[in-house]
Amino acid sequence: MNLADILRKNNKKTKKKNTAKVVAGLGLGAVAGALAGTLLAPKAGKETREDIAKGAKETLEKAKETVNVAKEKIIKTIDEKKANSSGCCCESENVEEVKDDEETKEEE
C-alpha cells in the first residue's frame, strides 16, 4: 500500500464522518424546530401535550424503521464480505508462507 492509497482511504473515512455529522445535525435541528413550533403554537395545554405525544410516537417509529434498514444493510454487507473473502491469513497453517507471498506482491 503506497502513500496515495493511504491518503485516499483516509479521505473516504473523513467524508463518511463528516456526512454522519451533517445528518445528525440536520436530525437534531429538525427535532428542535418541531418541538419549538409545537411549544410556541397558540393552542391549549391539552392540545399541545397531545401534539407532543403524537410527534414523539411518530419520531420513535421512524427511528425504529431507520435502525432496521441500517441493520439489514449491515448484515447484507457482512454476508457479502464473508462470501467474497478467501479467509484470513491468520488461519493459514504456515503464516510465514503468507508473509512471503505478500512481500513478493509488493515487489511487483
PDB file of N, CA and C in Angstrom:
ATOM      1  N   MET A   1       0.848  -1.167   0.000  1.00  0.00           N
ATOM      2  CA  MET A   1       0.000   0.000   0.000  1.00  0.00           C
ATOM      3  C   MET A   1       0.897   1.235   0.000  1.00  0.00           C
ATOM      4  N   ASN A   2       0.735   2.062  -0.992  1.00  0.00           N
ATOM      5  CA  ASN A   2       1.572   3.257  -1.068  1.00  0.00           C
ATOM      6  C   ASN A   2       0.881   4.456  -0.423  1.00  0.00           C
ATOM      7  N   LEU A   3       1.551   5.568  -0.411  1.00  0.00           N
ATOM      8  CA  LEU A   3       1.064   6.769   0.259  1.00  0.00           C
ATOM      9  C   LEU A   3      -0.253   7.253  -0.341  1.00  0.00           C
ATOM     10  N   ALA A   4      -0.375   7.193  -1.648  1.00  0.00           N
ATOM     11  CA  ALA A   4      -1.599   7.653  -2.308  1.00  0.00           C
ATOM     12  C   ALA A   4      -2.799   6.821  -1.865  1.00  0.00           C
ATOM     13  N   ASP A   5      -2.616   5.505  -1.741  1.00  0.00           N
ATOM     14  CA  ASP A   5      -3.698   4.634  -1.285  1.00  0.00           C
ATOM     15  C   ASP A   5      -4.110   4.980   0.143  1.00  0.00           C
ATOM     16  N   ILE A   6      -3.131   5.238   0.978  1.00  0.00           N
ATOM     17  CA  ILE A   6      -3.410   5.589   2.371  1.00  0.00           C
ATOM     18  C   ILE A   6      -4.183   6.905   2.443  1.00  0.00           C
ATOM     19  N   LEU A   7      -3.775   7.879   1.661  1.00  0.00           N
ATOM     20  CA  LEU A   7      -4.453   9.172   1.660  1.00  0.00           C
ATOM     21  C   LEU A   7      -5.888   9.045   1.154  1.00  0.00           C
ATOM     22  N   ARG A   8      -6.091   8.238   0.095  1.00  0.00           N
ATOM     23  CA  ARG A   8      -7.449   8.017  -0.413  1.00  0.00           C
ATOM     24  C   ARG A   8      -8.323   7.367   0.649  1.00  0.00           C
ATOM     25  N   LYS A   9      -7.786   6.389   1.339  1.00  0.00           N
ATOM     26  CA  LYS A   9      -8.529   5.676   2.373  1.00  0.00           C
ATOM     27  C   LYS A   9      -8.904   6.631   3.505  1.00  0.00           C
ATOM     28  N   ASN A  10      -7.959   7.452   3.940  1.00  0.00           N
ATOM     29  CA  ASN A  10      -8.233   8.422   5.000  1.00  0.00           C
ATOM     30  C   ASN A  10      -9.253   9.459   4.552  1.00  0.00           C
ATOM     31  N   ASN A  11      -9.185   9.865   3.284  1.00  0.00           N
ATOM     32  CA  ASN A  11     -10.125  10.835   2.753  1.00  0.00           C
ATOM     33  C   ASN A  11     -11.545  10.270   2.774  1.00  0.00           C
ATOM     34  N   LYS A  12     -11.710   9.004   2.426  1.00  0.00           N
ATOM     35  CA  LYS A  12     -13.023   8.366   2.447  1.00  0.00           C
ATOM     36  C   LYS A  12     -13.565   8.320   3.867  1.00  0.00           C
ATOM     37  N   LYS A  13     -12.708   7.986   4.830  1.00  0.00           N
ATOM     38  CA  LYS A  13     -13.139   7.930   6.228  1.00  0.00           C
ATOM     39  C   LYS A  13     -13.587   9.302   6.700  1.00  0.00           C
ATOM     40  N   THR A  14     -12.835  10.329   6.339  1.00  0.00           N
ATOM     41  CA  THR A  14     -13.169  11.690   6.746  1.00  0.00           C
ATOM     42  C   THR A  14     -14.505  12.114   6.152  1.00  0.00           C
ATOM     43  N   LYS A  15     -14.735  11.790   4.880  1.00  0.00           N
ATOM     44  CA  LYS A  15     -16.002  12.145   4.238  1.00  0.00           C
ATOM     45  C   LYS A  15     -17.171  11.453   4.931  1.00  0.00           C
ATOM     46  N   LYS A  16     -16.993  10.176   5.296  1.00  0.00           N
ATOM     47  CA  LYS A  16     -18.066   9.450   5.973  1.00  0.00           C
ATOM     48  C   LYS A  16     -18.361  10.066   7.334  1.00  0.00           C
ATOM     49  N   LYS A  17     -17.317  10.442   8.061  1.00  0.00           N
ATOM     50  CA  LYS A  17     -17.519  11.061   9.375  1.00  0.00           C
ATOM     51  C   LYS A  17     -18.235  12.396   9.227  1.00  0.00           C
ATOM     52  N   ASN A  18     -17.817  13.186   8.239  1.00  0.00           N
ATOM     53  CA  ASN A  18     -18.447  14.488   8.024  1.00  0.00           C
ATOM     54  C   ASN A  18     -19.910  14.332   7.620  1.00  0.00           C
ATOM     55  N   THR A  19     -20.194  13.362   6.769  1.00  0.00           N
ATOM     56  CA  THR A  19     -21.571  13.108   6.346  1.00  0.00           C
ATOM     57  C   THR A  19     -22.422  12.715   7.540  1.00  0.00           C
ATOM     58  N   ALA A  20     -21.891  11.857   8.401  1.00  0.00           N
ATOM     59  CA  ALA A  20     -22.630  11.431   9.582  1.00  0.00           C
ATOM     60  C   ALA A  20     -22.916  12.621  10.496  1.00  0.00           C
ATOM     61  N   LYS A  21     -21.951  13.521  10.633  1.00  0.00           N
ATOM     62  CA  LYS A  21     -22.145  14.706  11.472  1.00  0.00           C
ATOM     63  C   LYS A  21     -23.230  15.612  10.894  1.00  0.00           C
ATOM     64  N   VAL A  22     -23.223  15.789   9.580  1.00  0.00           N
ATOM     65  CA  VAL A  22     -24.219  16.639   8.932  1.00  0.00           C
ATOM     66  C   VAL A  22     -25.613  16.039   9.107  1.00  0.00           C
ATOM     67  N   VAL A  23     -25.742  14.745   8.891  1.00  0.00           N
ATOM     68  CA  VAL A  23     -27.036  14.078   9.041  1.00  0.00           C
ATOM     69  C   VAL A  23     -27.529  14.188  10.485  1.00  0.00           C
ATOM     70  N   ALA A  24     -26.637  13.973  11.441  1.00  0.00           N
ATOM     71  CA  ALA A  24     -27.017  14.083  12.849  1.00  0.00           C
ATOM     72  C   ALA A  24     -27.444  15.514  13.168  1.00  0.00           C
ATOM     73  N   GLY A  25     -26.723  16.491  12.656  1.00  0.00           N
ATOM     74  CA  GLY A  25     -27.074  17.886  12.883  1.00  0.00           C
ATOM     75  C   GLY A  25     -28.426  18.248  12.295  1.00  0.00           C
ATOM     76  N   LEU A  26     -28.688  17.757  11.083  1.00  0.00           N
ATOM     77  CA  LEU A  26     -29.986  18.018  10.456  1.00  0.00           C
ATOM     78  C   LEU A  26     -31.115  17.375  11.258  1.00  0.00           C
ATOM     79  N   GLY A  27     -30.872  16.165  11.720  1.00  0.00           N
ATOM     80  CA  GLY A  27     -31.890  15.469  12.526  1.00  0.00           C
ATOM     81  C   GLY A  27     -32.188  16.214  13.814  1.00  0.00           C
ATOM     82  N   LEU A  28     -31.134  16.608  14.514  1.00  0.00           N
ATOM     83  CA  LEU A  28     -31.328  17.348  15.764  1.00  0.00           C
ATOM     84  C   LEU A  28     -32.001  18.692  15.520  1.00  0.00           C
ATOM     85  N   GLY A  29     -31.634  19.361  14.446  1.00  0.00           N
ATOM     86  CA  GLY A  29     -32.260  20.630  14.105  1.00  0.00           C
ATOM     87  C   GLY A  29     -33.740  20.477  13.805  1.00  0.00           C
ATOM     88  N   ALA A  30     -34.080  19.414  13.086  1.00  0.00           N
ATOM     89  CA  ALA A  30     -35.491  19.151  12.769  1.00  0.00           C
ATOM     90  C   ALA A  30     -36.293  18.888  14.035  1.00  0.00           C
ATOM     91  N   VAL A  31     -35.727  18.099  14.941  1.00  0.00           N
ATOM     92  CA  VAL A  31     -36.414  17.794  16.196  1.00  0.00           C
ATOM     93  C   VAL A  31     -36.587  19.068  17.024  1.00  0.00           C
ATOM     94  N   ALA A  32     -35.526  19.854  17.134  1.00  0.00           N
ATOM     95  CA  ALA A  32     -35.594  21.099  17.916  1.00  0.00           C
ATOM     96  C   ALA A  32     -36.620  22.063  17.307  1.00  0.00           C
ATOM     97  N   GLY A  33     -36.640  22.166  15.998  1.00  0.00           N
ATOM     98  CA  GLY A  33     -37.600  23.045  15.329  1.00  0.00           C
ATOM     99  C   GLY A  33     -39.034  22.603  15.534  1.00  0.00           C
ATOM    100  N   ALA A  34     -39.260  21.308  15.413  1.00  0.00           N
ATOM    101  CA  ALA A  34     -40.612  20.783  15.614  1.00  0.00           C
ATOM    102  C   ALA A  34     -41.072  20.997  17.053  1.00  0.00           C
ATOM    103  N   LEU A  35     -40.173  20.754  17.987  1.00  0.00           N
ATOM    104  CA  LEU A  35     -40.510  20.935  19.395  1.00  0.00           C
ATOM    105  C   LEU A  35     -40.798  22.402  19.702  1.00  0.00           C
ATOM    106  N   ALA A  36     -39.959  23.297  19.201  1.00  0.00           N
ATOM    107  CA  ALA A  36     -40.173  24.726  19.430  1.00  0.00           C
ATOM    108  C   ALA A  36     -41.480  25.182  18.797  1.00  0.00           C
ATOM    109  N   GLY A  37     -41.761  24.728  17.605  1.00  0.00           N
ATOM    110  CA  GLY A  37     -43.007  25.089  16.928  1.00  0.00           C
ATOM    111  C   GLY A  37     -44.227  24.599  17.688  1.00  0.00           C
ATOM    112  N   THR A  38     -44.131  23.408  18.233  1.00  0.00           N
ATOM    113  CA  THR A  38     -45.249  22.844  18.995  1.00  0.00           C
ATOM    114  C   THR A  38     -45.457  23.602  20.300  1.00  0.00           C
ATOM    115  N   LEU A  39     -44.370  23.885  20.997  1.00  0.00           N
ATOM    116  CA  LEU A  39     -44.489  24.555  22.296  1.00  0.00           C
ATOM    117  C   LEU A  39     -44.909  26.016  22.165  1.00  0.00           C
ATOM    118  N   LEU A  40     -44.533  26.653  21.086  1.00  0.00           N
ATOM    119  CA  LEU A  40     -44.850  28.070  20.916  1.00  0.00           C
ATOM    120  C   LEU A  40     -46.156  28.319  20.172  1.00  0.00           C
ATOM    121  N   ALA A  41     -46.792  27.264  19.698  1.00  0.00           N
ATOM    122  CA  ALA A  41     -48.048  27.418  18.965  1.00  0.00           C
ATOM    123  C   ALA A  41     -49.162  27.859  19.924  1.00  0.00           C
ATOM    124  N   PRO A  42     -50.055  28.727  19.457  1.00  0.00           N
ATOM    125  CA  PRO A  42     -51.137  29.200  20.324  1.00  0.00           C
ATOM    126  C   PRO A  42     -52.271  28.173  20.450  1.00  0.00           C
ATOM    127  N   LYS A  43     -52.032  27.154  21.263  1.00  0.00           N
ATOM    128  CA  LYS A  43     -53.027  26.106  21.492  1.00  0.00           C
ATOM    129  C   LYS A  43     -53.211  25.928  22.990  1.00  0.00           C
ATOM    130  N   ALA A  44     -54.261  25.218  23.328  1.00  0.00           N
ATOM    131  CA  ALA A  44     -54.487  24.871  24.730  1.00  0.00           C
ATOM    132  C   ALA A  44     -53.441  23.864  25.173  1.00  0.00           C
ATOM    133  N   GLY A  45     -53.178  23.811  26.471  1.00  0.00           N
ATOM    134  CA  GLY A  45     -52.169  22.898  27.011  1.00  0.00           C
ATOM    135  C   GLY A  45     -52.435  21.450  26.658  1.00  0.00           C
ATOM    136  N   LYS A  46     -53.709  21.045  26.721  1.00  0.00           N
ATOM    137  CA  LYS A  46     -54.057  19.652  26.421  1.00  0.00           C
ATOM    138  C   LYS A  46     -53.735  19.316  24.962  1.00  0.00           C
ATOM    139  N   GLU A  47     -54.078  20.226  24.059  1.00  0.00           N
ATOM    140  CA  GLU A  47     -53.777  20.003  22.636  1.00  0.00           C
ATOM    141  C   GLU A  47     -52.268  19.929  22.400  1.00  0.00           C
ATOM    142  N   THR A  48     -51.525  20.792  23.055  1.00  0.00           N
ATOM    143  CA  THR A  48     -50.073  20.815  22.906  1.00  0.00           C
ATOM    144  C   THR A  48     -49.470  19.503  23.385  1.00  0.00           C
ATOM    145  N   ARG A  49     -49.932  19.020  24.532  1.00  0.00           N
ATOM    146  CA  ARG A  49     -49.414  17.741  25.049  1.00  0.00           C
ATOM    147  C   ARG A  49     -49.739  16.593  24.095  1.00  0.00           C
ATOM    148  N   GLU A  50     -50.944  16.622  23.520  1.00  0.00           N
ATOM    149  CA  GLU A  50     -51.322  15.579  22.552  1.00  0.00           C
ATOM    150  C   GLU A  50     -50.430  15.640  21.316  1.00  0.00           C
ATOM    151  N   ASP A  51     -50.152  16.859  20.863  1.00  0.00           N
ATOM    152  CA  ASP A  51     -49.273  17.026  19.695  1.00  0.00           C
ATOM    153  C   ASP A  51     -47.865  16.514  19.990  1.00  0.00           C
ATOM    154  N   ILE A  52     -47.369  16.815  21.191  1.00  0.00           N
ATOM    155  CA  ILE A  52     -46.032  16.351  21.569  1.00  0.00           C
ATOM    156  C   ILE A  52     -45.996  14.828  21.632  1.00  0.00           C
ATOM    157  N   ALA A  53     -47.015  14.229  22.230  1.00  0.00           N
ATOM    158  CA  ALA A  53     -47.064  12.764  22.337  1.00  0.00           C
ATOM    159  C   ALA A  53     -47.144  12.126  20.954  1.00  0.00           C
ATOM    160  N   LYS A  54     -47.959  12.713  20.084  1.00  0.00           N
ATOM    161  CA  LYS A  54     -48.093  12.194  18.723  1.00  0.00           C
ATOM    162  C   LYS A  54     -46.768  12.306  17.970  1.00  0.00           C
ATOM    163  N   GLY A  55     -46.130  13.459  18.078  1.00  0.00           N
ATOM    164  CA  GLY A  55     -44.847  13.661  17.406  1.00  0.00           C
ATOM    165  C   GLY A  55     -43.768  12.726  17.924  1.00  0.00           C
ATOM    166  N   ALA A  56     -43.752  12.509  19.238  1.00  0.00           N
ATOM    167  CA  ALA A  56     -42.764  11.593  19.825  1.00  0.00           C
ATOM    168  C   ALA A  56     -42.987  10.171  19.325  1.00  0.00           C
ATOM    169  N   LYS A  57     -44.243   9.782  19.248  1.00  0.00           N
ATOM    170  CA  LYS A  57     -44.563   8.429  18.780  1.00  0.00           C
ATOM    171  C   LYS A  57     -44.151   8.248  17.317  1.00  0.00           C
ATOM    172  N   GLU A  58     -44.433   9.253  16.481  1.00  0.00           N
ATOM    173  CA  GLU A  58     -44.052   9.179  15.066  1.00  0.00           C
ATOM    174  C   GLU A  58     -42.537   9.154  14.898  1.00  0.00           C
ATOM    175  N   THR A  59     -41.842   9.967  15.696  1.00  0.00           N
ATOM    176  CA  THR A  59     -40.380  10.008  15.629  1.00  0.00           C
ATOM    177  C   THR A  59     -39.788   8.673  16.036  1.00  0.00           C
ATOM    178  N   LEU A  60     -40.339   8.071  17.070  1.00  0.00           N
ATOM    179  CA  LEU A  60     -39.859   6.763  17.526  1.00  0.00           C
ATOM    180  C   LEU A  60     -40.055   5.708  16.445  1.00  0.00           C
ATOM    181  N   GLU A  61     -41.219   5.731  15.793  1.00  0.00           N
ATOM    182  CA  GLU A  61     -41.481   4.768  14.716  1.00  0.00           C
ATOM    183  C   GLU A  61     -40.494   4.955  13.555  1.00  0.00           C
ATOM    184  N   LYS A  62     -40.235   6.210  13.189  1.00  0.00           N
ATOM    185  CA  LYS A  62     -39.283   6.483  12.102  1.00  0.00           C
ATOM    186  C   LYS A  62     -37.871   6.042  12.484  1.00  0.00           C
ATOM    187  N   ALA A  63     -37.502   6.283  13.744  1.00  0.00           N
ATOM    188  CA  ALA A  63     -36.174   5.879  14.205  1.00  0.00           C
ATOM    189  C   ALA A  63     -36.029   4.356  14.162  1.00  0.00           C
ATOM    190  N   LYS A  64     -37.059   3.656  14.610  1.00  0.00           N
ATOM    191  CA  LYS A  64     -37.015   2.187  14.569  1.00  0.00           C
ATOM    192  C   LYS A  64     -36.880   1.688  13.138  1.00  0.00           C
ATOM    193  N   GLU A  65     -37.631   2.316  12.231  1.00  0.00           N
ATOM    194  CA  GLU A  65     -37.563   1.922  10.820  1.00  0.00           C
ATOM    195  C   GLU A  65     -36.161   2.169  10.251  1.00  0.00           C
ATOM    196  N   THR A  66     -35.588   3.314  10.571  1.00  0.00           N
ATOM    197  CA  THR A  66     -34.249   3.653  10.095  1.00  0.00           C
ATOM    198  C   THR A  66     -33.219   2.674  10.636  1.00  0.00           C
ATOM    199  N   VAL A  67     -33.337   2.314  11.907  1.00  0.00           N
ATOM    200  CA  VAL A  67     -32.408   1.357  12.515  1.00  0.00           C
ATOM    201  C   VAL A  67     -32.542   0.001  11.842  1.00  0.00           C
ATOM    202  N   ASN A  68     -33.773  -0.427  11.569  1.00  0.00           N
ATOM    203  CA  ASN A  68     -33.975  -1.723  10.910  1.00  0.00           C
ATOM    204  C   ASN A  68     -33.386  -1.742   9.503  1.00  0.00           C
ATOM    205  N   VAL A  69     -33.552  -0.652   8.761  1.00  0.00           N
ATOM    206  CA  VAL A  69     -32.983  -0.572   7.406  1.00  0.00           C
ATOM    207  C   VAL A  69     -31.457  -0.617   7.477  1.00  0.00           C
ATOM    208  N   ALA A  70     -30.886   0.142   8.413  1.00  0.00           N
ATOM    209  CA  ALA A  70     -29.427   0.152   8.564  1.00  0.00           C
ATOM    210  C   ALA A  70     -28.927  -1.229   8.970  1.00  0.00           C
ATOM    211  N   LYS A  71     -29.646  -1.881   9.873  1.00  0.00           N
ATOM    212  CA  LYS A  71     -29.266  -3.215  10.329  1.00  0.00           C
ATOM    213  C   LYS A  71     -29.261  -4.206   9.160  1.00  0.00           C
ATOM    214  N   GLU A  72     -30.296  -4.137   8.324  1.00  0.00           N
ATOM    215  CA  GLU A  72     -30.365  -5.026   7.158  1.00  0.00           C
ATOM    216  C   GLU A  72     -29.196  -4.779   6.202  1.00  0.00           C
ATOM    217  N   LYS A  73     -28.862  -3.505   5.981  1.00  0.00           N
ATOM    218  CA  LYS A  73     -27.748  -3.176   5.087  1.00  0.00           C
ATOM    219  C   LYS A  73     -26.424  -3.681   5.654  1.00  0.00           C
ATOM    220  N   ILE A  74     -26.244  -3.543   6.954  1.00  0.00           N
ATOM    221  CA  ILE A  74     -25.005  -4.006   7.594  1.00  0.00           C
ATOM    222  C   ILE A  74     -24.890  -5.513   7.479  1.00  0.00           C
ATOM    223  N   ILE A  75     -25.973  -6.214   7.768  1.00  0.00           N
ATOM    224  CA  ILE A  75     -25.958  -7.679   7.678  1.00  0.00           C
ATOM    225  C   ILE A  75     -25.676  -8.116   6.245  1.00  0.00           C
ATOM    226  N   LYS A  76     -26.291  -7.447   5.277  1.00  0.00           N
ATOM    227  CA  LYS A  76     -26.069  -7.780   3.867  1.00  0.00           C
ATOM    228  C   LYS A  76     -24.604  -7.561   3.490  1.00  0.00           C
ATOM    229  N   THR A  77     -24.040  -6.438   3.914  1.00  0.00           N
ATOM    230  CA  THR A  77     -22.651  -6.130   3.606  1.00  0.00           C
ATOM    231  C   THR A  77     -21.712  -7.156   4.237  1.00  0.00           C
ATOM    232  N   ILE A  78     -21.972  -7.507   5.488  1.00  0.00           N
ATOM    233  CA  ILE A  78     -21.137  -8.503   6.167  1.00  0.00           C
ATOM    234  C   ILE A  78     -21.212  -9.844   5.450  1.00  0.00           C
ATOM    235  N   ASP A  79     -22.430 -10.247   5.083  1.00  0.00           N
ATOM    236  CA  ASP A  79     -22.599 -11.519   4.373  1.00  0.00           C
ATOM    237  C   ASP A  79     -21.862 -11.509   3.030  1.00  0.00           C
ATOM    238  N   GLU A  80     -21.923 -10.382   2.321  1.00  0.00           N
ATOM    239  CA  GLU A  80     -21.219 -10.281   1.043  1.00  0.00           C
ATOM    240  C   GLU A  80     -19.710 -10.362   1.246  1.00  0.00           C
ATOM    241  N   LYS A  81     -19.216  -9.678   2.272  1.00  0.00           N
ATOM    242  CA  LYS A  81     -17.774  -9.709   2.555  1.00  0.00           C
ATOM    243  C   LYS A  81     -17.331 -11.125   2.917  1.00  0.00           C
ATOM    244  N   LYS A  82     -18.145 -11.813   3.703  1.00  0.00           N
ATOM    245  CA  LYS A  82     -17.806 -13.189   4.076  1.00  0.00           C
ATOM    246  C   LYS A  82     -17.784 -14.097   2.851  1.00  0.00           C
ATOM    247  N   ALA A  83     -18.755 -13.899   1.969  1.00  0.00           N
ATOM    248  CA  ALA A  83     -18.834 -14.732   0.773  1.00  0.00           C
ATOM    249  C   ALA A  83     -17.666 -14.462  -0.179  1.00  0.00           C
ATOM    250  N   ASN A  84     -17.195 -13.225  -0.221  1.00  0.00           N
ATOM    251  CA  ASN A  84     -16.119 -12.854  -1.135  1.00  0.00           C
ATOM    252  C   ASN A  84     -14.721 -13.072  -0.570  1.00  0.00           C
ATOM    253  N   SER A  85     -14.638 -13.271   0.733  1.00  0.00           N
ATOM    254  CA  SER A  85     -13.306 -13.412   1.334  1.00  0.00           C
ATOM    255  C   SER A  85     -12.811 -14.841   1.163  1.00  0.00           C
ATOM    256  N   SER A  86     -11.515 -14.949   1.054  1.00  0.00           N
ATOM    257  CA  SER A  86     -10.911 -16.268   0.903  1.00  0.00           C
ATOM    258  C   SER A  86     -10.327 -16.743   2.218  1.00  0.00           C
ATOM    259  N   GLY A  87     -10.678 -16.084   3.295  1.00  0.00           N
ATOM    260  CA  GLY A  87     -10.153 -16.465   4.600  1.00  0.00           C
ATOM    261  C   GLY A  87      -9.070 -15.514   5.053  1.00  0.00           C
ATOM    262  N   CYS A  88      -8.830 -15.531   6.303  1.00  0.00           N
ATOM    263  CA  CYS A  88      -7.830 -14.660   6.909  1.00  0.00           C
ATOM    264  C   CYS A  88      -6.452 -15.306   6.815  1.00  0.00           C
ATOM    265  N   CYS A  89      -5.441 -14.483   6.675  1.00  0.00           N
ATOM    266  CA  CYS A  89      -4.083 -15.010   6.594  1.00  0.00           C
ATOM    267  C   CYS A  89      -3.694 -15.668   7.917  1.00  0.00           C
ATOM    268  N   CYS A  90      -4.332 -15.293   9.007  1.00  0.00           N
ATOM    269  CA  CYS A  90      -4.038 -15.877  10.323  1.00  0.00           C
ATOM    270  C   CYS A  90      -4.501 -17.323  10.412  1.00  0.00           C
ATOM    271  N   GLU A  91      -5.475 -17.697   9.554  1.00  0.00           N
ATOM    272  CA  GLU A  91      -5.996 -19.055   9.573  1.00  0.00           C
ATOM    273  C   GLU A  91      -5.073 -20.023   8.844  1.00  0.00           C
ATOM    274  N   SER A  92      -4.105 -19.495   8.145  1.00  0.00           N
ATOM    275  CA  SER A  92      -3.176 -20.330   7.406  1.00  0.00           C
ATOM    276  C   SER A  92      -2.314 -21.140   8.368  1.00  0.00           C
ATOM    277  N   GLU A  93      -2.005 -22.376   7.984  1.00  0.00           N
ATOM    278  CA  GLU A  93      -1.170 -23.224   8.836  1.00  0.00           C
ATOM    279  C   GLU A  93       0.246 -22.677   8.911  1.00  0.00           C
ATOM    280  N   ASN A  94       0.698 -22.096   7.822  1.00  0.00           N
ATOM    281  CA  ASN A  94       2.046 -21.577   7.804  1.00  0.00           C
ATOM    282  C   ASN A  94       1.995 -20.085   7.479  1.00  0.00           C
ATOM    283  N   VAL A  95       2.018 -19.282   8.506  1.00  0.00           N
ATOM    284  CA  VAL A  95       1.898 -17.842   8.355  1.00  0.00           C
ATOM    285  C   VAL A  95       3.089 -17.278   7.578  1.00  0.00           C
ATOM    286  N   GLU A  96       4.240 -17.873   7.707  1.00  0.00           N
ATOM    287  CA  GLU A  96       5.433 -17.385   7.004  1.00  0.00           C
ATOM    288  C   GLU A  96       5.224 -17.422   5.492  1.00  0.00           C
ATOM    289  N   GLU A  97       4.520 -18.443   4.981  1.00  0.00           N
ATOM    290  CA  GLU A  97       4.259 -18.529   3.549  1.00  0.00           C
ATOM    291  C   GLU A  97       3.423 -17.339   3.089  1.00  0.00           C
ATOM    292  N   VAL A  98       2.448 -16.977   3.901  1.00  0.00           N
ATOM    293  CA  VAL A  98       1.596 -15.843   3.569  1.00  0.00           C
ATOM    294  C   VAL A  98       2.421 -14.560   3.544  1.00  0.00           C
ATOM    295  N   LYS A  99       3.302 -14.382   4.518  1.00  0.00           N
ATOM    296  CA  LYS A  99       4.145 -13.192   4.562  1.00  0.00           C
ATOM    297  C   LYS A  99       5.042 -13.131   3.328  1.00  0.00           C
ATOM    298  N   ASP A 100       5.597 -14.266   2.932  1.00  0.00           N
ATOM    299  CA  ASP A 100       6.447 -14.313   1.744  1.00  0.00           C
ATOM    300  C   ASP A 100       5.653 -13.923   0.504  1.00  0.00           C
ATOM    301  N   ASP A 101       4.417 -14.418   0.397  1.00  0.00           N
ATOM    302  CA  ASP A 101       3.569 -14.091  -0.748  1.00  0.00           C
ATOM    303  C   ASP A 101       3.285 -12.592  -0.791  1.00  0.00           C
ATOM    304  N   GLU A 102       3.028 -11.980   0.366  1.00  0.00           N
ATOM    305  CA  GLU A 102       2.749 -10.548   0.422  1.00  0.00           C
ATOM    306  C   GLU A 102       3.973  -9.743   0.020  1.00  0.00           C
ATOM    307  N   GLU A 103       5.135 -10.157   0.450  1.00  0.00           N
ATOM    308  CA  GLU A 103       6.364  -9.440   0.090  1.00  0.00           C
ATOM    309  C   GLU A 103       6.614  -9.528  -1.411  1.00  0.00           C
ATOM    310  N   THR A 104       6.344 -10.690  -1.992  1.00  0.00           N
ATOM    311  CA  THR A 104       6.518 -10.873  -3.433  1.00  0.00           C
ATOM    312  C   THR A 104       5.580  -9.943  -4.190  1.00  0.00           C
ATOM    313  N   LYS A 105       4.339  -9.816  -3.741  1.00  0.00           N
ATOM    314  CA  LYS A 105       3.369  -8.933  -4.417  1.00  0.00           C
ATOM    315  C   LYS A 105       3.807  -7.479  -4.326  1.00  0.00           C
ATOM    316  N   GLU A 106       4.344  -7.079  -3.189  1.00  0.00           N
ATOM    317  CA  GLU A 106       4.790  -5.701  -3.010  1.00  0.00           C
ATOM    318  C   GLU A 106       5.958  -5.375  -3.943  1.00  0.00           C
ATOM    319  N   GLU A 107       6.812  -6.339  -4.177  1.00  0.00           N
ATOM    320  CA  GLU A 107       7.970  -6.119  -5.034  1.00  0.00           C
ATOM    321  C   GLU A 107       7.554  -5.943  -6.480  1.00  0.00           C
ATOM    322  N   GLU A 108       6.449  -6.560  -6.864  1.00  0.00           N
ATOM    323  CA  GLU A 108       5.972  -6.478  -8.250  1.00  0.00           C
ATOM    324  C   GLU A 108       5.390  -5.149  -8.471  1.00  0.00           C
TER     325      GLU A 108
END
